[in-house]
Amino acid sequence: MRCIPSGIERRGFCGLFGFHAAKPCEHDLLCASSVGTVGGVDKATSLLTPTGETTRMPKYLIQGSYTPEGAKGLARAGGSSRRTIVGDMITKAGGKMESFYYAFGDADVYVIIDLPDVASAVALSLAVNASGAVALKTIPLFSAEEMDEAGKKQVAYRPPGA
């Protein structure tokens, strides 16, 4: 797989190495193309498939709740250092971190990320949850256009007891 040039100012974005000229990367990793907007909407991160087509990289909302031990570690290390560590982890998994916010309420942290596939999302979730410092909830996100497409599909469903 190769990086996809974004076509914005003839520059592309490689999830491994950052910005580079609008040409395919020499490495074999899945890389992001998410610089700029299309039609006023942020361009979705995309992948180049083995057949040469582009496809949207799956987007996820990650909700994290720190355990007491995780909160102690966060207080010691600081929020921005955790953001950097999480961003590096996502990049190494072939993804891109779109946003990272701390919050009050049910979850302590909210992160929106793009990852190359479901297996990568599950692997990140398993690794973080296994640490015991944070409990993650991973929620797949989809675009308004994907919702339009889903609304056009016919699905045969019979409710229980019908």
N, C-alpha and C. Protein backbone atom coordinates (compact mmCIF):
# COMPACT_ATOMS: atom_id res chain seq x y z
N MET A 1 0.85 -1.17 0.00
CA MET A 1 0.00 0.00 0.00
C MET A 1 0.90 1.24 0.00
N ARG A 2 0.37 2.31 -0.57
CA ARG A 2 1.17 3.52 -0.65
C ARG A 2 0.38 4.73 -0.20
N CYS A 3 1.09 5.80 0.15
CA CYS A 3 0.43 7.04 0.52
C CYS A 3 -0.32 7.59 -0.67
N ILE A 4 -1.42 8.27 -0.42
CA ILE A 4 -2.21 8.88 -1.47
C ILE A 4 -1.97 10.38 -1.42
N PRO A 5 -1.52 11.00 -2.50
CA PRO A 5 -1.36 12.44 -2.48
C PRO A 5 -2.71 13.11 -2.26
N SER A 6 -2.74 14.18 -1.50
CA SER A 6 -4.01 14.82 -1.19
C SER A 6 -4.49 15.72 -2.31
N GLY A 7 -3.61 16.19 -3.17
CA GLY A 7 -4.01 17.10 -4.23
C GLY A 7 -4.16 18.53 -3.73
N ILE A 8 -4.04 18.75 -2.46
CA ILE A 8 -4.14 20.10 -1.89
C ILE A 8 -2.74 20.69 -1.89
N GLU A 9 -2.55 21.78 -2.63
CA GLU A 9 -1.24 22.41 -2.77
C GLU A 9 -0.16 21.40 -3.15
N ARG A 10 -0.56 20.40 -3.92
CA ARG A 10 0.35 19.37 -4.41
C ARG A 10 1.20 18.77 -3.29
N ARG A 11 0.60 18.61 -2.12
CA ARG A 11 1.29 17.97 -1.02
C ARG A 11 0.42 16.87 -0.47
N GLY A 12 1.02 15.86 0.11
CA GLY A 12 0.29 14.76 0.72
C GLY A 12 0.65 14.66 2.18
N PHE A 13 -0.05 13.80 2.89
CA PHE A 13 0.27 13.56 4.29
C PHE A 13 0.50 12.08 4.49
N CYS A 14 1.64 11.76 5.03
CA CYS A 14 1.97 10.37 5.31
C CYS A 14 1.89 10.18 6.82
N GLY A 15 1.09 9.23 7.26
CA GLY A 15 0.91 9.00 8.69
C GLY A 15 2.19 8.60 9.40
N LEU A 16 3.19 8.14 8.66
CA LEU A 16 4.44 7.73 9.28
C LEU A 16 5.46 8.85 9.30
N PHE A 17 5.59 9.57 8.18
CA PHE A 17 6.66 10.55 8.06
C PHE A 17 6.21 12.00 7.99
N GLY A 18 4.92 12.27 7.99
CA GLY A 18 4.44 13.65 7.91
C GLY A 18 4.27 14.10 6.47
N PHE A 19 4.40 15.40 6.22
CA PHE A 19 4.16 15.93 4.88
C PHE A 19 5.29 15.57 3.93
N HIS A 20 4.92 15.35 2.68
CA HIS A 20 5.91 15.09 1.63
C HIS A 20 5.32 15.54 0.31
N ALA A 21 6.13 15.59 -0.71
CA ALA A 21 5.65 15.99 -2.03
C ALA A 21 4.57 15.04 -2.50
N ALA A 22 3.74 15.51 -3.43
CA ALA A 22 2.59 14.72 -3.89
C ALA A 22 3.06 13.58 -4.79
N LYS A 23 3.58 12.58 -4.20
CA LYS A 23 3.98 11.36 -4.90
C LYS A 23 3.87 10.21 -3.92
N PRO A 24 3.73 8.98 -4.38
CA PRO A 24 3.61 7.86 -3.44
C PRO A 24 4.86 7.72 -2.57
N CYS A 25 4.64 7.28 -1.35
CA CYS A 25 5.75 7.01 -0.43
C CYS A 25 6.53 5.79 -0.91
N GLU A 26 7.72 5.66 -0.42
CA GLU A 26 8.54 4.50 -0.73
C GLU A 26 8.32 3.37 0.26
N HIS A 27 7.70 3.66 1.41
CA HIS A 27 7.48 2.60 2.40
C HIS A 27 6.18 1.87 2.10
N ASP A 28 5.93 0.79 2.80
CA ASP A 28 4.80 -0.08 2.52
C ASP A 28 3.67 -0.01 3.54
N LEU A 29 3.53 1.12 4.23
CA LEU A 29 2.51 1.22 5.26
C LEU A 29 1.28 1.94 4.73
N LEU A 30 0.16 1.76 5.41
CA LEU A 30 -1.06 2.48 5.08
C LEU A 30 -0.88 3.91 5.55
N CYS A 31 -1.08 4.87 4.68
CA CYS A 31 -0.85 6.25 5.06
C CYS A 31 -2.06 7.11 4.77
N ALA A 32 -2.16 8.19 5.52
CA ALA A 32 -3.33 9.06 5.46
C ALA A 32 -3.17 10.12 4.38
N SER A 33 -4.28 10.58 3.86
CA SER A 33 -4.36 11.72 2.97
C SER A 33 -5.50 12.58 3.48
N SER A 34 -5.20 13.49 4.38
CA SER A 34 -6.29 14.19 5.03
C SER A 34 -6.05 15.69 5.15
N VAL A 35 -5.30 16.26 4.21
CA VAL A 35 -5.00 17.67 4.26
C VAL A 35 -6.08 18.43 3.52
N GLY A 36 -6.70 19.42 4.14
CA GLY A 36 -7.64 20.28 3.46
C GLY A 36 -9.07 19.80 3.51
N THR A 37 -9.90 20.47 2.69
CA THR A 37 -11.32 20.16 2.66
C THR A 37 -11.78 19.93 1.23
N VAL A 38 -12.93 19.30 1.11
CA VAL A 38 -13.59 19.11 -0.17
C VAL A 38 -15.01 19.60 0.01
N GLY A 39 -15.43 20.57 -0.78
CA GLY A 39 -16.78 21.10 -0.67
C GLY A 39 -17.07 21.69 0.70
N GLY A 40 -16.06 22.27 1.35
CA GLY A 40 -16.25 22.87 2.66
C GLY A 40 -16.28 21.88 3.80
N VAL A 41 -16.14 20.59 3.51
CA VAL A 41 -16.17 19.56 4.53
C VAL A 41 -14.78 18.96 4.62
N ASP A 42 -14.31 18.71 5.84
CA ASP A 42 -12.99 18.09 6.00
C ASP A 42 -12.93 16.81 5.19
N LYS A 43 -11.83 16.67 4.44
CA LYS A 43 -11.64 15.49 3.63
C LYS A 43 -11.40 14.29 4.53
N ALA A 44 -12.09 13.20 4.29
CA ALA A 44 -11.89 11.99 5.09
C ALA A 44 -10.52 11.40 4.79
N THR A 45 -9.88 10.84 5.78
CA THR A 45 -8.63 10.15 5.57
C THR A 45 -8.92 8.95 4.67
N SER A 46 -8.06 8.72 3.70
CA SER A 46 -8.33 7.64 2.76
C SER A 46 -7.14 6.71 2.63
N LEU A 47 -7.42 5.54 2.08
CA LEU A 47 -6.41 4.52 1.84
C LEU A 47 -6.42 4.13 0.38
N LEU A 48 -5.30 3.70 -0.11
CA LEU A 48 -5.20 3.15 -1.45
C LEU A 48 -5.30 1.64 -1.31
N THR A 49 -6.30 1.05 -1.99
CA THR A 49 -6.51 -0.40 -1.90
C THR A 49 -5.55 -1.12 -2.85
N PRO A 50 -5.40 -2.44 -2.70
CA PRO A 50 -4.52 -3.19 -3.59
C PRO A 50 -4.92 -3.08 -5.06
N THR A 51 -6.20 -2.77 -5.34
CA THR A 51 -6.66 -2.63 -6.73
C THR A 51 -6.47 -1.22 -7.26
N GLY A 52 -5.89 -0.32 -6.45
CA GLY A 52 -5.62 1.04 -6.90
C GLY A 52 -6.74 2.02 -6.62
N GLU A 53 -7.81 1.58 -5.98
CA GLU A 53 -8.92 2.46 -5.65
C GLU A 53 -8.65 3.12 -4.30
N THR A 54 -9.30 4.27 -4.07
CA THR A 54 -9.20 4.88 -2.75
C THR A 54 -10.45 4.52 -1.96
N THR A 55 -10.27 4.36 -0.69
CA THR A 55 -11.38 4.05 0.20
C THR A 55 -11.22 4.85 1.49
N ARG A 56 -12.31 5.17 2.12
CA ARG A 56 -12.29 5.95 3.35
C ARG A 56 -11.75 5.11 4.50
N MET A 57 -10.82 5.68 5.25
CA MET A 57 -10.30 5.00 6.43
C MET A 57 -11.36 5.09 7.52
N PRO A 58 -11.67 3.97 8.20
CA PRO A 58 -12.68 4.01 9.26
C PRO A 58 -12.33 5.02 10.36
N LYS A 59 -13.36 5.72 10.83
CA LYS A 59 -13.21 6.75 11.86
C LYS A 59 -13.88 6.24 13.13
N TYR A 60 -13.25 6.51 14.27
CA TYR A 60 -13.75 6.04 15.56
C TYR A 60 -13.74 7.16 16.58
N LEU A 61 -14.73 7.11 17.49
CA LEU A 61 -14.74 7.95 18.67
C LEU A 61 -14.31 7.04 19.82
N ILE A 62 -13.25 7.44 20.49
CA ILE A 62 -12.75 6.69 21.64
C ILE A 62 -13.15 7.46 22.90
N GLN A 63 -13.83 6.78 23.81
CA GLN A 63 -14.15 7.36 25.12
C GLN A 63 -13.32 6.62 26.15
N GLY A 64 -12.56 7.36 26.94
CA GLY A 64 -11.72 6.73 27.95
C GLY A 64 -12.07 7.21 29.33
N SER A 65 -12.12 6.27 30.27
CA SER A 65 -12.35 6.59 31.68
C SER A 65 -11.17 6.06 32.47
N TYR A 66 -10.49 6.98 33.17
CA TYR A 66 -9.31 6.58 33.94
C TYR A 66 -9.71 5.86 35.22
N THR A 67 -8.97 4.81 35.54
CA THR A 67 -9.11 4.15 36.84
C THR A 67 -8.39 5.03 37.85
N PRO A 68 -8.53 4.77 39.15
CA PRO A 68 -7.79 5.58 40.12
C PRO A 68 -6.27 5.58 39.86
N GLU A 69 -5.71 4.42 39.51
CA GLU A 69 -4.27 4.38 39.21
C GLU A 69 -3.94 5.16 37.95
N GLY A 70 -4.79 5.06 36.94
CA GLY A 70 -4.59 5.82 35.70
C GLY A 70 -4.67 7.32 35.94
N ALA A 71 -5.61 7.75 36.80
CA ALA A 71 -5.74 9.17 37.12
C ALA A 71 -4.49 9.68 37.84
N LYS A 72 -3.91 8.85 38.72
CA LYS A 72 -2.67 9.24 39.41
C LYS A 72 -1.54 9.42 38.40
N GLY A 73 -1.45 8.49 37.45
CA GLY A 73 -0.42 8.59 36.42
C GLY A 73 -0.61 9.82 35.54
N LEU A 74 -1.87 10.11 35.20
CA LEU A 74 -2.18 11.30 34.40
C LEU A 74 -1.78 12.56 35.16
N ALA A 75 -2.09 12.62 36.45
CA ALA A 75 -1.75 13.80 37.25
C ALA A 75 -0.24 14.00 37.32
N ARG A 76 0.52 12.90 37.40
CA ARG A 76 1.99 12.99 37.45
C ARG A 76 2.58 13.42 36.11
N ALA A 77 2.12 12.78 35.02
CA ALA A 77 2.72 13.00 33.70
C ALA A 77 2.17 14.24 33.00
N GLY A 78 0.92 14.58 33.27
CA GLY A 78 0.31 15.73 32.62
C GLY A 78 -0.49 15.34 31.39
N GLY A 79 -1.49 16.14 31.08
CA GLY A 79 -2.40 15.85 29.98
C GLY A 79 -1.76 15.91 28.60
N SER A 80 -0.91 16.90 28.37
CA SER A 80 -0.31 17.02 27.03
C SER A 80 0.65 15.87 26.74
N SER A 81 1.33 15.36 27.75
CA SER A 81 2.23 14.22 27.50
C SER A 81 1.42 12.97 27.15
N ARG A 82 0.25 12.78 27.79
CA ARG A 82 -0.61 11.64 27.44
C ARG A 82 -1.13 11.78 26.02
N ARG A 83 -1.50 13.01 25.63
CA ARG A 83 -1.97 13.25 24.26
C ARG A 83 -0.89 12.86 23.26
N THR A 84 0.34 13.23 23.54
CA THR A 84 1.45 12.88 22.64
C THR A 84 1.64 11.37 22.56
N ILE A 85 1.60 10.70 23.70
CA ILE A 85 1.78 9.24 23.74
C ILE A 85 0.66 8.55 22.96
N VAL A 86 -0.58 8.99 23.16
CA VAL A 86 -1.71 8.40 22.45
C VAL A 86 -1.59 8.65 20.95
N GLY A 87 -1.21 9.87 20.57
CA GLY A 87 -1.02 10.19 19.15
C GLY A 87 0.04 9.32 18.50
N ASP A 88 1.14 9.11 19.21
CA ASP A 88 2.21 8.25 18.69
C ASP A 88 1.73 6.81 18.53
N MET A 89 0.96 6.31 19.50
CA MET A 89 0.43 4.95 19.42
C MET A 89 -0.47 4.80 18.19
N ILE A 90 -1.32 5.77 17.95
CA ILE A 90 -2.25 5.73 16.82
C ILE A 90 -1.48 5.79 15.50
N THR A 91 -0.48 6.65 15.43
CA THR A 91 0.33 6.76 14.21
C THR A 91 1.05 5.44 13.92
N LYS A 92 1.60 4.82 14.94
CA LYS A 92 2.30 3.54 14.75
C LYS A 92 1.36 2.43 14.31
N ALA A 93 0.06 2.59 14.61
CA ALA A 93 -0.94 1.61 14.16
C ALA A 93 -1.43 1.92 12.75
N GLY A 94 -0.84 2.94 12.11
CA GLY A 94 -1.23 3.30 10.74
C GLY A 94 -2.36 4.29 10.68
N GLY A 95 -2.70 4.92 11.81
CA GLY A 95 -3.83 5.83 11.85
C GLY A 95 -3.45 7.28 12.05
N LYS A 96 -4.47 8.09 12.31
CA LYS A 96 -4.30 9.52 12.49
C LYS A 96 -5.24 9.97 13.61
N MET A 97 -4.73 10.79 14.51
CA MET A 97 -5.56 11.35 15.57
C MET A 97 -6.11 12.69 15.08
N GLU A 98 -7.43 12.77 15.00
CA GLU A 98 -8.07 14.01 14.55
C GLU A 98 -8.23 15.00 15.70
N SER A 99 -8.66 14.51 16.86
CA SER A 99 -8.83 15.40 18.01
C SER A 99 -8.68 14.61 19.31
N PHE A 100 -8.34 15.34 20.38
CA PHE A 100 -8.12 14.74 21.69
C PHE A 100 -8.56 15.77 22.72
N TYR A 101 -9.56 15.41 23.54
CA TYR A 101 -10.07 16.33 24.55
C TYR A 101 -10.31 15.62 25.87
N TYR A 102 -10.00 16.31 26.97
CA TYR A 102 -10.38 15.86 28.30
C TYR A 102 -11.75 16.45 28.60
N ALA A 103 -12.53 15.78 29.47
CA ALA A 103 -13.88 16.24 29.75
C ALA A 103 -14.31 15.85 31.16
N PHE A 104 -15.39 16.49 31.62
CA PHE A 104 -16.08 16.08 32.83
C PHE A 104 -17.18 15.12 32.40
N GLY A 105 -17.67 14.30 33.29
CA GLY A 105 -18.83 13.47 32.99
C GLY A 105 -18.51 12.00 32.98
N ASP A 106 -19.24 11.26 32.14
CA ASP A 106 -19.10 9.80 32.10
C ASP A 106 -17.71 9.35 31.66
N ALA A 107 -17.10 10.08 30.76
CA ALA A 107 -15.75 9.74 30.28
C ALA A 107 -14.80 10.88 30.61
N ASP A 108 -13.53 10.53 30.77
CA ASP A 108 -12.51 11.52 31.10
C ASP A 108 -11.81 12.08 29.86
N VAL A 109 -11.82 11.30 28.78
CA VAL A 109 -11.13 11.71 27.57
C VAL A 109 -11.92 11.24 26.36
N TYR A 110 -11.94 12.09 25.33
CA TYR A 110 -12.59 11.77 24.06
C TYR A 110 -11.57 11.99 22.95
N VAL A 111 -11.43 10.99 22.09
CA VAL A 111 -10.45 11.05 21.01
C VAL A 111 -11.15 10.60 19.73
N ILE A 112 -10.98 11.37 18.65
CA ILE A 112 -11.48 10.94 17.34
C ILE A 112 -10.28 10.57 16.50
N ILE A 113 -10.32 9.34 15.96
CA ILE A 113 -9.18 8.81 15.22
C ILE A 113 -9.64 8.15 13.92
N ASP A 114 -8.71 8.04 12.98
CA ASP A 114 -8.87 7.26 11.76
C ASP A 114 -7.89 6.11 11.87
N LEU A 115 -8.36 4.91 11.58
CA LEU A 115 -7.50 3.73 11.58
C LEU A 115 -7.73 2.95 10.31
N PRO A 116 -6.73 2.19 9.85
CA PRO A 116 -6.86 1.49 8.57
C PRO A 116 -7.93 0.40 8.54
N ASP A 117 -8.26 -0.19 9.70
CA ASP A 117 -9.23 -1.28 9.69
C ASP A 117 -9.72 -1.57 11.09
N VAL A 118 -10.75 -2.42 11.18
CA VAL A 118 -11.34 -2.78 12.46
C VAL A 118 -10.33 -3.50 13.35
N ALA A 119 -9.52 -4.35 12.76
CA ALA A 119 -8.53 -5.09 13.55
C ALA A 119 -7.58 -4.14 14.28
N SER A 120 -7.19 -3.05 13.64
CA SER A 120 -6.32 -2.07 14.29
C SER A 120 -7.02 -1.41 15.46
N ALA A 121 -8.32 -1.10 15.31
CA ALA A 121 -9.09 -0.50 16.40
C ALA A 121 -9.20 -1.46 17.57
N VAL A 122 -9.46 -2.72 17.28
CA VAL A 122 -9.58 -3.72 18.33
C VAL A 122 -8.23 -3.91 19.03
N ALA A 123 -7.14 -3.95 18.28
CA ALA A 123 -5.81 -4.12 18.87
C ALA A 123 -5.48 -2.98 19.82
N LEU A 124 -5.78 -1.73 19.41
CA LEU A 124 -5.53 -0.58 20.30
C LEU A 124 -6.39 -0.69 21.56
N SER A 125 -7.65 -1.03 21.39
CA SER A 125 -8.56 -1.15 22.52
C SER A 125 -8.08 -2.22 23.50
N LEU A 126 -7.68 -3.37 22.97
CA LEU A 126 -7.19 -4.45 23.82
C LEU A 126 -5.95 -4.03 24.61
N ALA A 127 -5.01 -3.38 23.92
CA ALA A 127 -3.76 -2.98 24.58
C ALA A 127 -4.02 -1.98 25.70
N VAL A 128 -4.86 -0.98 25.42
CA VAL A 128 -5.13 0.05 26.44
C VAL A 128 -5.95 -0.53 27.59
N ASN A 129 -7.00 -1.28 27.27
CA ASN A 129 -7.83 -1.86 28.33
C ASN A 129 -7.04 -2.86 29.19
N ALA A 130 -6.12 -3.60 28.57
CA ALA A 130 -5.32 -4.57 29.32
C ALA A 130 -4.39 -3.90 30.32
N SER A 131 -4.08 -2.62 30.10
CA SER A 131 -3.19 -1.91 31.03
C SER A 131 -3.83 -1.73 32.40
N GLY A 132 -5.15 -1.71 32.44
CA GLY A 132 -5.85 -1.51 33.69
C GLY A 132 -5.89 -0.06 34.13
N ALA A 133 -5.25 0.86 33.40
CA ALA A 133 -5.22 2.27 33.78
C ALA A 133 -6.37 3.06 33.18
N VAL A 134 -6.93 2.56 32.09
CA VAL A 134 -8.00 3.25 31.38
C VAL A 134 -8.98 2.22 30.87
N ALA A 135 -10.27 2.53 30.98
CA ALA A 135 -11.31 1.70 30.37
C ALA A 135 -11.79 2.43 29.12
N LEU A 136 -11.60 1.80 27.94
CA LEU A 136 -11.98 2.43 26.68
C LEU A 136 -13.29 1.89 26.16
N LYS A 137 -14.01 2.77 25.48
CA LYS A 137 -15.18 2.40 24.69
C LYS A 137 -14.89 2.91 23.29
N THR A 138 -14.93 2.04 22.28
CA THR A 138 -14.62 2.40 20.91
C THR A 138 -15.90 2.41 20.10
N ILE A 139 -16.22 3.55 19.50
CA ILE A 139 -17.47 3.73 18.78
C ILE A 139 -17.18 4.05 17.32
N PRO A 140 -17.61 3.19 16.38
CA PRO A 140 -17.41 3.50 14.96
C PRO A 140 -18.25 4.72 14.57
N LEU A 141 -17.68 5.61 13.77
CA LEU A 141 -18.38 6.79 13.28
C LEU A 141 -18.58 6.66 11.78
N PHE A 142 -19.59 7.33 11.25
CA PHE A 142 -19.80 7.33 9.81
C PHE A 142 -20.31 8.69 9.37
N SER A 143 -20.10 9.01 8.11
CA SER A 143 -20.41 10.33 7.57
C SER A 143 -21.89 10.47 7.22
N ALA A 144 -22.31 11.69 6.94
CA ALA A 144 -23.69 11.95 6.50
C ALA A 144 -23.96 11.24 5.18
N GLU A 145 -22.94 11.19 4.31
CA GLU A 145 -23.11 10.51 3.02
C GLU A 145 -23.28 9.00 3.21
N GLU A 146 -22.56 8.44 4.17
CA GLU A 146 -22.73 7.02 4.47
C GLU A 146 -24.12 6.76 5.05
N MET A 147 -24.64 7.69 5.82
CA MET A 147 -26.00 7.56 6.34
C MET A 147 -27.01 7.63 5.19
N ASP A 148 -26.77 8.52 4.22
CA ASP A 148 -27.64 8.60 3.04
C ASP A 148 -27.65 7.27 2.31
N GLU A 149 -26.47 6.69 2.12
CA GLU A 149 -26.34 5.40 1.43
C GLU A 149 -27.07 4.29 2.19
N ALA A 150 -26.92 4.29 3.50
CA ALA A 150 -27.58 3.27 4.32
C ALA A 150 -29.09 3.40 4.23
N GLY A 151 -29.59 4.63 4.20
CA GLY A 151 -31.02 4.86 4.12
C GLY A 151 -31.65 4.36 2.84
N LYS A 152 -30.85 4.24 1.80
CA LYS A 152 -31.34 3.76 0.50
C LYS A 152 -31.36 2.24 0.39
N LYS A 153 -30.70 1.56 1.31
CA LYS A 153 -30.65 0.09 1.27
C LYS A 153 -31.93 -0.49 1.83
N GLN A 154 -32.42 -1.52 1.20
CA GLN A 154 -33.61 -2.21 1.66
C GLN A 154 -33.19 -3.40 2.52
N VAL A 155 -33.75 -3.48 3.71
CA VAL A 155 -33.44 -4.57 4.62
C VAL A 155 -34.74 -5.23 5.04
N ALA A 156 -34.80 -6.55 4.87
CA ALA A 156 -35.99 -7.32 5.29
C ALA A 156 -35.83 -7.66 6.77
N TYR A 157 -36.74 -7.17 7.58
CA TYR A 157 -36.68 -7.42 9.02
C TYR A 157 -38.07 -7.78 9.52
N ARG A 158 -38.13 -8.80 10.33
CA ARG A 158 -39.38 -9.20 10.96
C ARG A 158 -39.17 -9.14 12.46
N PRO A 159 -39.93 -8.30 13.18
CA PRO A 159 -39.75 -8.18 14.63
C PRO A 159 -40.13 -9.48 15.33
N PRO A 160 -39.58 -9.72 16.52
CA PRO A 160 -39.95 -10.93 17.27
C PRO A 160 -41.45 -10.98 17.51
N GLY A 161 -42.02 -12.14 17.34
CA GLY A 161 -43.44 -12.34 17.56
C GLY A 161 -44.33 -11.91 16.41
N ALA A 162 -43.78 -11.37 15.36
CA ALA A 162 -44.60 -10.90 14.23
C ALA A 162 -44.90 -12.02 13.25
